[in-house]
């Protein structure tokens, strides 16, 4: 299910970028892709933190334990990276903030598609 959600998010981002390019030009499309980049950084940080703190998945039973402090430092580092990336995307590149919002929200749309798909 996670792979489907990731795939659907990429599809939503691609369609949103094409629509943004047609409706608002390259700044809106760039904002969508920039929001997608922020989403990918955040998603990767959360996925990595949860997998490090949770029980090992099948095939990784022998992995060494990771301290909670190291996971916390990793999350803090990733969110600092998000802050810098958001500043560059909106403040320096002057990409459209609504496009960034659409890009960051792509996973919500993909989750809604998955919920509708599972109801059938």
N, C-alpha and C. Protein backbone atom coordinates (compact mmCIF):
# COMPACT_ATOMS: atom_id res chain seq x y z
N UNK A 1 0.82 -1.19 0.00
CA UNK A 1 0.00 0.00 0.00
C UNK A 1 0.86 1.25 0.00
N UNK A 2 1.99 1.21 0.68
CA UNK A 2 2.87 2.37 0.72
C UNK A 2 3.40 2.68 -0.68
N UNK A 3 3.74 1.64 -1.42
CA UNK A 3 4.24 1.85 -2.78
C UNK A 3 3.17 2.47 -3.67
N UNK A 4 1.92 2.05 -3.51
CA UNK A 4 0.84 2.64 -4.30
C UNK A 4 0.64 4.10 -3.94
N UNK A 5 0.73 4.42 -2.65
CA UNK A 5 0.57 5.80 -2.22
C UNK A 5 1.70 6.67 -2.78
N UNK A 6 2.92 6.15 -2.76
CA UNK A 6 4.05 6.89 -3.32
C UNK A 6 3.87 7.09 -4.82
N UNK A 7 3.43 6.04 -5.53
CA UNK A 7 3.20 6.14 -6.97
C UNK A 7 2.10 7.15 -7.28
N UNK A 8 0.98 7.06 -6.54
CA UNK A 8 -0.13 7.98 -6.76
C UNK A 8 0.27 9.42 -6.46
N UNK A 9 1.11 9.62 -5.45
CA UNK A 9 1.58 10.96 -5.13
C UNK A 9 2.40 11.51 -6.29
N UNK A 10 3.26 10.69 -6.87
CA UNK A 10 4.06 11.13 -8.02
C UNK A 10 3.17 11.47 -9.21
N UNK A 11 2.13 10.69 -9.42
CA UNK A 11 1.20 10.96 -10.52
C UNK A 11 0.47 12.28 -10.28
N UNK A 12 -0.02 12.48 -9.05
CA UNK A 12 -0.71 13.73 -8.72
C UNK A 12 0.23 14.92 -8.89
N UNK A 13 1.48 14.78 -8.46
CA UNK A 13 2.44 15.87 -8.64
C UNK A 13 2.67 16.17 -10.11
N UNK A 14 2.83 15.14 -10.91
CA UNK A 14 3.04 15.35 -12.33
C UNK A 14 1.86 16.03 -13.00
N UNK A 15 0.66 15.55 -12.72
CA UNK A 15 -0.54 16.16 -13.30
C UNK A 15 -0.72 17.60 -12.81
N UNK A 16 -0.43 17.83 -11.54
CA UNK A 16 -0.56 19.18 -10.98
C UNK A 16 0.46 20.12 -11.60
N UNK A 17 1.67 19.64 -11.85
CA UNK A 17 2.69 20.48 -12.47
C UNK A 17 2.30 20.84 -13.91
N UNK A 18 1.76 19.87 -14.65
CA UNK A 18 1.32 20.14 -16.01
C UNK A 18 0.17 21.15 -16.00
N UNK A 19 -0.81 20.94 -15.10
CA UNK A 19 -1.93 21.87 -15.00
C UNK A 19 -1.44 23.25 -14.55
N UNK A 20 -0.51 23.29 -13.61
CA UNK A 20 0.04 24.57 -13.16
C UNK A 20 0.76 25.30 -14.27
N UNK A 21 1.48 24.56 -15.10
CA UNK A 21 2.17 25.17 -16.23
C UNK A 21 1.19 25.76 -17.23
N UNK A 22 0.10 25.04 -17.46
CA UNK A 22 -0.91 25.53 -18.41
C UNK A 22 -1.68 26.72 -17.85
N UNK A 23 -1.95 26.71 -16.55
CA UNK A 23 -2.77 27.77 -15.96
C UNK A 23 -1.98 28.97 -15.48
N UNK A 24 -0.79 28.74 -14.94
CA UNK A 24 -0.08 29.85 -14.32
C UNK A 24 1.36 30.02 -14.74
N UNK A 25 1.80 29.26 -15.71
CA UNK A 25 3.17 29.43 -16.18
C UNK A 25 4.17 28.62 -15.38
N UNK A 26 5.44 28.90 -15.66
CA UNK A 26 6.51 28.10 -15.08
C UNK A 26 6.66 28.32 -13.58
N UNK A 27 6.31 29.49 -13.07
CA UNK A 27 6.44 29.73 -11.62
C UNK A 27 5.47 28.87 -10.82
N UNK A 28 4.26 28.72 -11.32
CA UNK A 28 3.29 27.86 -10.63
C UNK A 28 3.70 26.40 -10.74
N UNK A 29 4.12 25.97 -11.93
CA UNK A 29 4.56 24.59 -12.10
C UNK A 29 5.81 24.31 -11.26
N UNK A 30 6.73 25.26 -11.22
CA UNK A 30 7.92 25.12 -10.39
C UNK A 30 7.58 25.07 -8.91
N UNK A 31 6.56 25.85 -8.52
CA UNK A 31 6.10 25.81 -7.13
C UNK A 31 5.54 24.45 -6.77
N UNK A 32 4.80 23.85 -7.68
CA UNK A 32 4.26 22.51 -7.44
C UNK A 32 5.40 21.51 -7.27
N UNK A 33 6.38 21.58 -8.14
CA UNK A 33 7.52 20.65 -8.04
C UNK A 33 8.36 20.93 -6.80
N UNK A 34 8.49 22.21 -6.44
CA UNK A 34 9.20 22.55 -5.20
C UNK A 34 8.47 22.04 -3.98
N UNK A 35 7.15 22.15 -3.98
CA UNK A 35 6.35 21.58 -2.89
C UNK A 35 6.48 20.08 -2.84
N UNK A 36 6.58 19.46 -4.00
CA UNK A 36 6.81 18.01 -4.05
C UNK A 36 8.16 17.64 -3.46
N UNK A 37 9.16 18.48 -3.69
CA UNK A 37 10.48 18.25 -3.09
C UNK A 37 10.40 18.35 -1.57
N UNK A 38 9.71 19.36 -1.07
CA UNK A 38 9.52 19.49 0.39
C UNK A 38 8.78 18.27 0.95
N UNK A 39 7.77 17.83 0.24
CA UNK A 39 7.02 16.66 0.64
C UNK A 39 7.91 15.42 0.69
N UNK A 40 8.75 15.25 -0.31
CA UNK A 40 9.63 14.08 -0.37
C UNK A 40 10.62 14.09 0.79
N UNK A 41 11.18 15.25 1.11
CA UNK A 41 12.12 15.34 2.22
C UNK A 41 11.43 14.99 3.53
N UNK A 42 10.25 15.55 3.74
CA UNK A 42 9.51 15.30 4.98
C UNK A 42 9.09 13.83 5.07
N UNK A 43 8.60 13.28 3.98
CA UNK A 43 8.16 11.89 3.97
C UNK A 43 9.32 10.95 4.26
N UNK A 44 10.46 11.22 3.64
CA UNK A 44 11.63 10.37 3.85
C UNK A 44 12.08 10.44 5.31
N UNK A 45 12.05 11.63 5.89
CA UNK A 45 12.47 11.78 7.29
C UNK A 45 11.55 11.01 8.22
N UNK A 46 10.25 11.13 8.00
CA UNK A 46 9.30 10.42 8.86
C UNK A 46 9.39 8.90 8.67
N UNK A 47 9.50 8.46 7.44
CA UNK A 47 9.59 7.03 7.16
C UNK A 47 10.84 6.43 7.78
N UNK A 48 11.94 7.13 7.66
CA UNK A 48 13.20 6.64 8.23
C UNK A 48 13.15 6.63 9.76
N UNK A 49 12.57 7.67 10.36
CA UNK A 49 12.47 7.73 11.81
C UNK A 49 11.57 6.64 12.37
N UNK A 50 10.45 6.40 11.72
CA UNK A 50 9.54 5.36 12.19
C UNK A 50 10.16 3.98 12.04
N UNK A 51 10.84 3.74 10.91
CA UNK A 51 11.45 2.42 10.73
C UNK A 51 12.62 2.20 11.69
N UNK A 52 13.30 3.27 12.09
CA UNK A 52 14.42 3.13 13.03
C UNK A 52 13.93 2.85 14.45
N UNK A 53 12.80 3.45 14.82
CA UNK A 53 12.30 3.28 16.18
C UNK A 53 11.39 2.07 16.34
N UNK A 54 10.73 1.67 15.26
CA UNK A 54 9.79 0.57 15.33
C UNK A 54 10.49 -0.78 15.29
N UNK A 55 9.70 -1.83 15.39
CA UNK A 55 10.28 -3.17 15.30
C UNK A 55 10.83 -3.42 13.89
N UNK A 56 11.86 -4.24 13.78
CA UNK A 56 12.44 -4.48 12.45
C UNK A 56 11.46 -5.22 11.55
N UNK A 57 11.51 -4.87 10.28
CA UNK A 57 10.67 -5.54 9.30
C UNK A 57 11.30 -6.87 8.93
N UNK A 58 10.55 -7.70 8.24
CA UNK A 58 11.06 -9.02 7.86
C UNK A 58 12.32 -8.88 7.03
N UNK A 59 13.34 -9.61 7.41
CA UNK A 59 14.60 -9.57 6.70
C UNK A 59 15.63 -8.65 7.33
N UNK A 60 15.22 -7.83 8.30
CA UNK A 60 16.15 -6.90 8.95
C UNK A 60 16.24 -7.16 10.45
N UNK A 61 16.02 -8.40 10.84
CA UNK A 61 16.01 -8.72 12.27
C UNK A 61 17.37 -8.50 12.94
N UNK A 62 18.46 -8.60 12.20
CA UNK A 62 19.78 -8.49 12.79
C UNK A 62 20.36 -7.09 12.78
N UNK A 63 19.57 -6.09 12.41
CA UNK A 63 20.12 -4.74 12.34
C UNK A 63 20.44 -4.22 13.74
N UNK A 64 21.48 -3.42 13.86
CA UNK A 64 21.82 -2.87 15.18
C UNK A 64 20.78 -1.84 15.60
N UNK A 65 20.49 -1.76 16.90
CA UNK A 65 19.50 -0.78 17.36
C UNK A 65 20.03 0.65 17.20
N UNK A 66 19.11 1.55 16.94
CA UNK A 66 19.46 2.96 16.78
C UNK A 66 18.94 3.71 18.00
N UNK A 67 19.77 4.57 18.55
CA UNK A 67 19.34 5.30 19.74
C UNK A 67 18.30 6.36 19.36
N UNK A 68 17.44 6.64 20.32
CA UNK A 68 16.40 7.64 20.08
C UNK A 68 17.01 9.02 19.86
N UNK A 69 18.13 9.29 20.52
CA UNK A 69 18.80 10.58 20.33
C UNK A 69 19.29 10.76 18.91
N UNK A 70 19.83 9.70 18.34
CA UNK A 70 20.32 9.78 16.96
C UNK A 70 19.16 9.99 15.99
N UNK A 71 18.06 9.31 16.23
CA UNK A 71 16.88 9.50 15.38
C UNK A 71 16.37 10.93 15.51
N UNK A 72 16.34 11.46 16.74
CA UNK A 72 15.89 12.83 16.96
C UNK A 72 16.80 13.83 16.24
N UNK A 73 18.10 13.62 16.31
CA UNK A 73 19.02 14.51 15.60
C UNK A 73 18.82 14.43 14.09
N UNK A 74 18.57 13.24 13.59
CA UNK A 74 18.29 13.09 12.17
C UNK A 74 17.04 13.83 11.75
N UNK A 75 15.99 13.73 12.57
CA UNK A 75 14.74 14.45 12.26
C UNK A 75 14.94 15.96 12.33
N UNK A 76 15.68 16.42 13.32
CA UNK A 76 15.95 17.86 13.44
C UNK A 76 16.73 18.34 12.23
N UNK A 77 17.71 17.55 11.80
CA UNK A 77 18.48 17.92 10.61
C UNK A 77 17.63 17.97 9.37
N UNK A 78 16.75 17.02 9.21
CA UNK A 78 15.88 17.01 8.03
C UNK A 78 14.91 18.18 8.04
N UNK A 79 14.39 18.52 9.21
CA UNK A 79 13.47 19.65 9.26
C UNK A 79 14.19 20.98 9.10
N UNK A 80 15.45 21.05 9.50
CA UNK A 80 16.26 22.23 9.19
C UNK A 80 16.46 22.34 7.68
N UNK A 81 16.69 21.20 7.03
CA UNK A 81 16.80 21.17 5.58
C UNK A 81 15.49 21.62 4.92
N UNK A 82 14.36 21.21 5.48
CA UNK A 82 13.06 21.66 4.97
C UNK A 82 12.92 23.17 5.06
N UNK A 83 13.35 23.72 6.18
CA UNK A 83 13.28 25.16 6.38
C UNK A 83 14.11 25.90 5.34
N UNK A 84 15.31 25.45 5.12
CA UNK A 84 16.19 26.09 4.14
C UNK A 84 15.62 25.91 2.73
N UNK A 85 15.16 24.71 2.41
CA UNK A 85 14.59 24.47 1.08
C UNK A 85 13.35 25.32 0.85
N UNK A 86 12.50 25.45 1.85
CA UNK A 86 11.31 26.30 1.71
C UNK A 86 11.68 27.76 1.49
N UNK A 87 12.70 28.22 2.20
CA UNK A 87 13.17 29.60 2.01
C UNK A 87 13.69 29.80 0.59
N UNK A 88 14.48 28.86 0.11
CA UNK A 88 15.04 28.99 -1.23
C UNK A 88 13.93 28.95 -2.28
N UNK A 89 12.99 28.03 -2.11
CA UNK A 89 11.91 27.86 -3.10
C UNK A 89 11.05 29.12 -3.19
N UNK A 90 10.66 29.67 -2.05
CA UNK A 90 9.75 30.82 -2.08
C UNK A 90 10.52 32.15 -2.07
N UNK A 91 11.55 32.24 -1.22
CA UNK A 91 12.24 33.51 -1.05
C UNK A 91 13.24 33.85 -2.13
N UNK A 92 13.98 32.88 -2.62
CA UNK A 92 15.03 33.15 -3.60
C UNK A 92 14.61 32.85 -5.04
N UNK A 93 13.96 31.72 -5.24
CA UNK A 93 13.54 31.36 -6.59
C UNK A 93 12.23 32.04 -7.00
N UNK A 94 11.52 32.58 -6.02
CA UNK A 94 10.25 33.28 -6.24
C UNK A 94 9.22 32.42 -6.97
N UNK A 95 9.16 31.14 -6.57
CA UNK A 95 8.13 30.27 -7.12
C UNK A 95 6.81 30.56 -6.42
N UNK A 96 5.73 30.24 -7.07
CA UNK A 96 4.41 30.61 -6.57
C UNK A 96 4.07 29.84 -5.28
N UNK A 97 3.72 30.56 -4.20
CA UNK A 97 3.41 29.89 -2.94
C UNK A 97 2.20 28.94 -3.02
N UNK A 98 1.22 29.27 -3.85
CA UNK A 98 0.07 28.37 -3.99
C UNK A 98 0.49 27.07 -4.70
N UNK A 99 1.42 27.18 -5.61
CA UNK A 99 1.96 25.98 -6.24
C UNK A 99 2.68 25.10 -5.23
N UNK A 100 3.44 25.73 -4.33
CA UNK A 100 4.12 24.98 -3.27
C UNK A 100 3.10 24.27 -2.40
N UNK A 101 2.01 24.97 -2.06
CA UNK A 101 0.96 24.37 -1.25
C UNK A 101 0.32 23.18 -1.97
N UNK A 102 0.09 23.31 -3.25
CA UNK A 102 -0.47 22.19 -4.03
C UNK A 102 0.50 21.02 -4.04
N UNK A 103 1.78 21.29 -4.21
CA UNK A 103 2.77 20.22 -4.22
C UNK A 103 2.88 19.49 -2.90
N UNK A 104 2.87 20.24 -1.81
CA UNK A 104 2.94 19.62 -0.49
C UNK A 104 1.69 18.82 -0.19
N UNK A 105 0.56 19.24 -0.75
CA UNK A 105 -0.71 18.56 -0.50
C UNK A 105 -0.96 17.38 -1.41
N UNK A 106 -0.05 17.07 -2.30
CA UNK A 106 -0.26 15.98 -3.26
C UNK A 106 -0.48 14.65 -2.56
N UNK A 107 0.18 14.42 -1.45
CA UNK A 107 0.01 13.15 -0.74
C UNK A 107 -1.40 13.03 -0.16
N UNK A 108 -2.01 14.15 0.19
CA UNK A 108 -3.38 14.12 0.70
C UNK A 108 -4.34 13.68 -0.40
N UNK A 109 -4.15 14.23 -1.59
CA UNK A 109 -4.99 13.83 -2.73
C UNK A 109 -4.77 12.36 -3.06
N UNK A 110 -3.51 11.92 -3.03
CA UNK A 110 -3.22 10.51 -3.30
C UNK A 110 -3.85 9.60 -2.25
N UNK A 111 -3.85 10.03 -0.99
CA UNK A 111 -4.48 9.23 0.07
C UNK A 111 -6.00 9.18 -0.14
N UNK A 112 -6.58 10.28 -0.58
CA UNK A 112 -8.02 10.27 -0.86
C UNK A 112 -8.34 9.32 -2.01
N UNK A 113 -7.52 9.31 -3.04
CA UNK A 113 -7.71 8.37 -4.16
C UNK A 113 -7.61 6.94 -3.65
N UNK A 114 -6.64 6.67 -2.80
CA UNK A 114 -6.47 5.32 -2.25
C UNK A 114 -7.67 4.93 -1.39
N UNK A 115 -8.22 5.87 -0.63
CA UNK A 115 -9.40 5.57 0.20
C UNK A 115 -10.60 5.23 -0.67
N UNK A 116 -10.79 5.98 -1.75
CA UNK A 116 -11.90 5.69 -2.66
C UNK A 116 -11.68 4.34 -3.34
N UNK A 117 -10.44 4.07 -3.72
CA UNK A 117 -10.12 2.81 -4.38
C UNK A 117 -10.38 1.62 -3.46
N UNK A 118 -10.08 1.77 -2.20
CA UNK A 118 -10.25 0.65 -1.25
C UNK A 118 -11.72 0.43 -0.90
N UNK A 119 -12.57 1.43 -1.08
CA UNK A 119 -14.00 1.28 -0.79
C UNK A 119 -14.71 0.44 -1.84
N UNK A 120 -14.13 0.30 -2.99
CA UNK A 120 -14.78 -0.46 -4.08
C UNK A 120 -14.67 -1.93 -3.88
